[in-house]
Amino acid sequence: MSKLQDKVSEEKLIHYLELTSKARAKATPIPNEGTEDNNRLQVMLRMADDYSSDAKHFMANGDYVRAFGAINYAHAWIDAAVKIGLLDGHGDDVLFTLP
């Protein structure tokens, strides 16, 4: 039986912040600028960036639980954009849930 992990450590937060940062940097837009799909993608990326910012804010204030939630939401926005074909995940099945 595995040990119950019921604490969010600084190390775990740093790991997920870095993972999400790598995903954000690696994924590249598929739709052309000026298209409706690109507009939708920009909304999704803004959400990812806002949640990443929130995660850093919560972490700096010692609220690791909210920071952990926020960084996972950030990554989910990026991952969703890859999954629905608005971002190219370049075959990386570690950072993304590929289509």
C-alpha atoms as a PDB file:
ATOM      1  CA  MET A   1       0.000   0.000   0.000  1.00  0.00           C
ATOM      2  CA  SER A   2       1.358   3.431  -0.881  1.00  0.00           C
ATOM      3  CA  LYS A   3       1.848   6.166   1.651  1.00  0.00           C
ATOM      4  CA  LEU A   4      -0.936   8.743   1.803  1.00  0.00           C
ATOM      5  CA  GLN A   5       0.253  12.096   0.474  1.00  0.00           C
ATOM      6  CA  ASP A   6      -1.974  14.733   2.008  1.00  0.00           C
ATOM      7  CA  LYS A   7       0.427  17.670   2.056  1.00  0.00           C
ATOM      8  CA  VAL A   8       1.395  20.080  -0.699  1.00  0.00           C
ATOM      9  CA  SER A   9       5.094  20.801  -0.346  1.00  0.00           C
ATOM     10  CA  GLU A  10       7.064  23.676  -1.796  1.00  0.00           C
ATOM     11  CA  GLU A  11       9.023  21.148  -3.862  1.00  0.00           C
ATOM     12  CA  LYS A  12       5.821  19.725  -5.338  1.00  0.00           C
ATOM     13  CA  LEU A  13       4.594  23.209  -6.228  1.00  0.00           C
ATOM     14  CA  ILE A  14       7.880  24.111  -7.862  1.00  0.00           C
ATOM     15  CA  HIS A  15       7.717  20.878  -9.870  1.00  0.00           C
ATOM     16  CA  TYR A  16       4.230  21.655 -11.198  1.00  0.00           C
ATOM     17  CA  LEU A  17       5.020  25.310 -11.841  1.00  0.00           C
ATOM     18  CA  GLU A  18       8.020  24.236 -13.929  1.00  0.00           C
ATOM     19  CA  LEU A  19       6.037  21.515 -15.715  1.00  0.00           C
ATOM     20  CA  THR A  20       3.327  23.989 -16.686  1.00  0.00           C
ATOM     21  CA  SER A  21       5.910  26.550 -17.770  1.00  0.00           C
ATOM     22  CA  LYS A  22       7.514  23.916 -20.034  1.00  0.00           C
ATOM     23  CA  ALA A  23       4.132  23.013 -21.489  1.00  0.00           C
ATOM     24  CA  ARG A  24       3.294  26.674 -22.142  1.00  0.00           C
ATOM     25  CA  ALA A  25       6.631  27.202 -23.902  1.00  0.00           C
ATOM     26  CA  LYS A  26       6.503  24.001 -25.955  1.00  0.00           C
ATOM     27  CA  ALA A  27       2.962  24.140 -27.302  1.00  0.00           C
ATOM     28  CA  THR A  28       2.613  26.245 -30.422  1.00  0.00           C
ATOM     29  CA  PRO A  29      -0.516  27.758 -31.963  1.00  0.00           C
ATOM     30  CA  ILE A  30      -2.127  25.957 -34.878  1.00  0.00           C
ATOM     31  CA  PRO A  31      -4.784  28.449 -36.067  1.00  0.00           C
ATOM     32  CA  ASN A  32      -3.840  31.434 -38.175  1.00  0.00           C
ATOM     33  CA  GLU A  33      -3.964  34.865 -36.590  1.00  0.00           C
ATOM     34  CA  GLY A  34      -7.227  36.691 -37.090  1.00  0.00           C
ATOM     35  CA  THR A  35      -9.320  33.523 -37.179  1.00  0.00           C
ATOM     36  CA  GLU A  36     -12.072  32.673 -34.718  1.00  0.00           C
ATOM     37  CA  ASP A  37     -10.102  29.602 -33.604  1.00  0.00           C
ATOM     38  CA  ASN A  38      -7.111  31.807 -32.835  1.00  0.00           C
ATOM     39  CA  ASN A  39      -9.336  34.141 -30.829  1.00  0.00           C
ATOM     40  CA  ARG A  40     -10.590  31.162 -28.819  1.00  0.00           C
ATOM     41  CA  LEU A  41      -7.031  29.963 -28.307  1.00  0.00           C
ATOM     42  CA  GLN A  42      -5.973  33.363 -27.004  1.00  0.00           C
ATOM     43  CA  VAL A  43      -8.760  33.215 -24.413  1.00  0.00           C
ATOM     44  CA  MET A  44      -7.573  29.774 -23.321  1.00  0.00           C
ATOM     45  CA  LEU A  45      -3.937  30.884 -23.082  1.00  0.00           C
ATOM     46  CA  ARG A  46      -4.943  33.958 -21.100  1.00  0.00           C
ATOM     47  CA  MET A  47      -6.768  31.702 -18.646  1.00  0.00           C
ATOM     48  CA  ALA A  48      -3.657  29.501 -18.371  1.00  0.00           C
ATOM     49  CA  ASP A  49      -1.440  32.531 -17.776  1.00  0.00           C
ATOM     50  CA  ASP A  50      -3.838  34.017 -15.216  1.00  0.00           C
ATOM     51  CA  TYR A  51      -4.049  30.759 -13.270  1.00  0.00           C
ATOM     52  CA  SER A  52      -0.232  30.428 -13.367  1.00  0.00           C
ATOM     53  CA  SER A  53       0.061  33.933 -11.990  1.00  0.00           C
ATOM     54  CA  ASP A  54      -2.493  33.129  -9.298  1.00  0.00           C
ATOM     55  CA  ALA A  55      -0.537  30.004  -8.353  1.00  0.00           C
ATOM     56  CA  LYS A  56       2.648  32.033  -7.862  1.00  0.00           C
ATOM     57  CA  HIS A  57       0.746  34.611  -5.814  1.00  0.00           C
ATOM     58  CA  PHE A  58      -0.819  31.952  -3.569  1.00  0.00           C
ATOM     59  CA  MET A  59       2.528  30.204  -3.143  1.00  0.00           C
ATOM     60  CA  ALA A  60       4.263  33.451  -2.181  1.00  0.00           C
ATOM     61  CA  ASN A  61       1.597  33.947   0.479  1.00  0.00           C
ATOM     62  CA  GLY A  62       2.036  30.428   1.854  1.00  0.00           C
ATOM     63  CA  ASP A  63      -1.304  29.154   0.538  1.00  0.00           C
ATOM     64  CA  TYR A  64       0.024  25.988  -1.026  1.00  0.00           C
ATOM     65  CA  VAL A  65      -3.353  24.298  -1.408  1.00  0.00           C
ATOM     66  CA  ARG A  66      -4.773  27.099  -3.557  1.00  0.00           C
ATOM     67  CA  ALA A  67      -1.452  27.372  -5.426  1.00  0.00           C
ATOM     68  CA  PHE A  68      -1.603  23.664  -6.250  1.00  0.00           C
ATOM     69  CA  GLY A  69      -5.164  23.975  -7.488  1.00  0.00           C
ATOM     70  CA  ALA A  70      -4.382  27.043  -9.585  1.00  0.00           C
ATOM     71  CA  ILE A  71      -1.335  25.563 -11.301  1.00  0.00           C
ATOM     72  CA  ASN A  72      -3.289  22.442 -12.184  1.00  0.00           C
ATOM     73  CA  TYR A  73      -6.043  24.584 -13.695  1.00  0.00           C
ATOM     74  CA  ALA A  74      -3.388  26.459 -15.693  1.00  0.00           C
ATOM     75  CA  HIS A  75      -1.970  23.253 -17.077  1.00  0.00           C
ATOM     76  CA  ALA A  76      -5.450  21.960 -17.857  1.00  0.00           C
ATOM     77  CA  TRP A  77      -6.180  24.983 -20.077  1.00  0.00           C
ATOM     78  CA  ILE A  78      -2.996  24.335 -22.067  1.00  0.00           C
ATOM     79  CA  ASP A  79      -3.657  20.611 -22.219  1.00  0.00           C
ATOM     80  CA  ALA A  80      -7.234  21.186 -23.388  1.00  0.00           C
ATOM     81  CA  ALA A  81      -6.033  23.457 -26.201  1.00  0.00           C
ATOM     82  CA  VAL A  82      -3.676  20.692 -27.364  1.00  0.00           C
ATOM     83  CA  LYS A  83      -6.406  18.070 -27.070  1.00  0.00           C
ATOM     84  CA  ILE A  84      -8.897  20.012 -29.208  1.00  0.00           C
ATOM     85  CA  GLY A  85      -6.305  20.927 -31.832  1.00  0.00           C
ATOM     86  CA  LEU A  86      -5.698  24.613 -31.140  1.00  0.00           C
ATOM     87  CA  LEU A  87      -2.137  24.017 -29.920  1.00  0.00           C
ATOM     88  CA  ASP A  88       0.473  21.616 -31.261  1.00  0.00           C
ATOM     89  CA  GLY A  89       1.992  19.553 -28.439  1.00  0.00           C
ATOM     90  CA  HIS A  90       4.722  18.248 -30.774  1.00  0.00           C
ATOM     91  CA  GLY A  91       4.102  14.633 -29.802  1.00  0.00           C
ATOM     92  CA  ASP A  92       4.980  15.176 -26.129  1.00  0.00           C
ATOM     93  CA  ASP A  93       2.817  12.730 -24.218  1.00  0.00           C
ATOM     94  CA  VAL A  94       4.429  13.644 -20.899  1.00  0.00           C
ATOM     95  CA  LEU A  95       3.376  17.291 -20.932  1.00  0.00           C
ATOM     96  CA  PHE A  96       0.093  16.799 -22.784  1.00  0.00           C
ATOM     97  CA  THR A  97      -2.843  14.483 -23.315  1.00  0.00           C
ATOM     98  CA  LEU A  98      -2.434  14.090 -27.043  1.00  0.00           C
ATOM     99  CA  PRO A  99      -5.344  13.836 -29.466  1.00  0.00           C
END
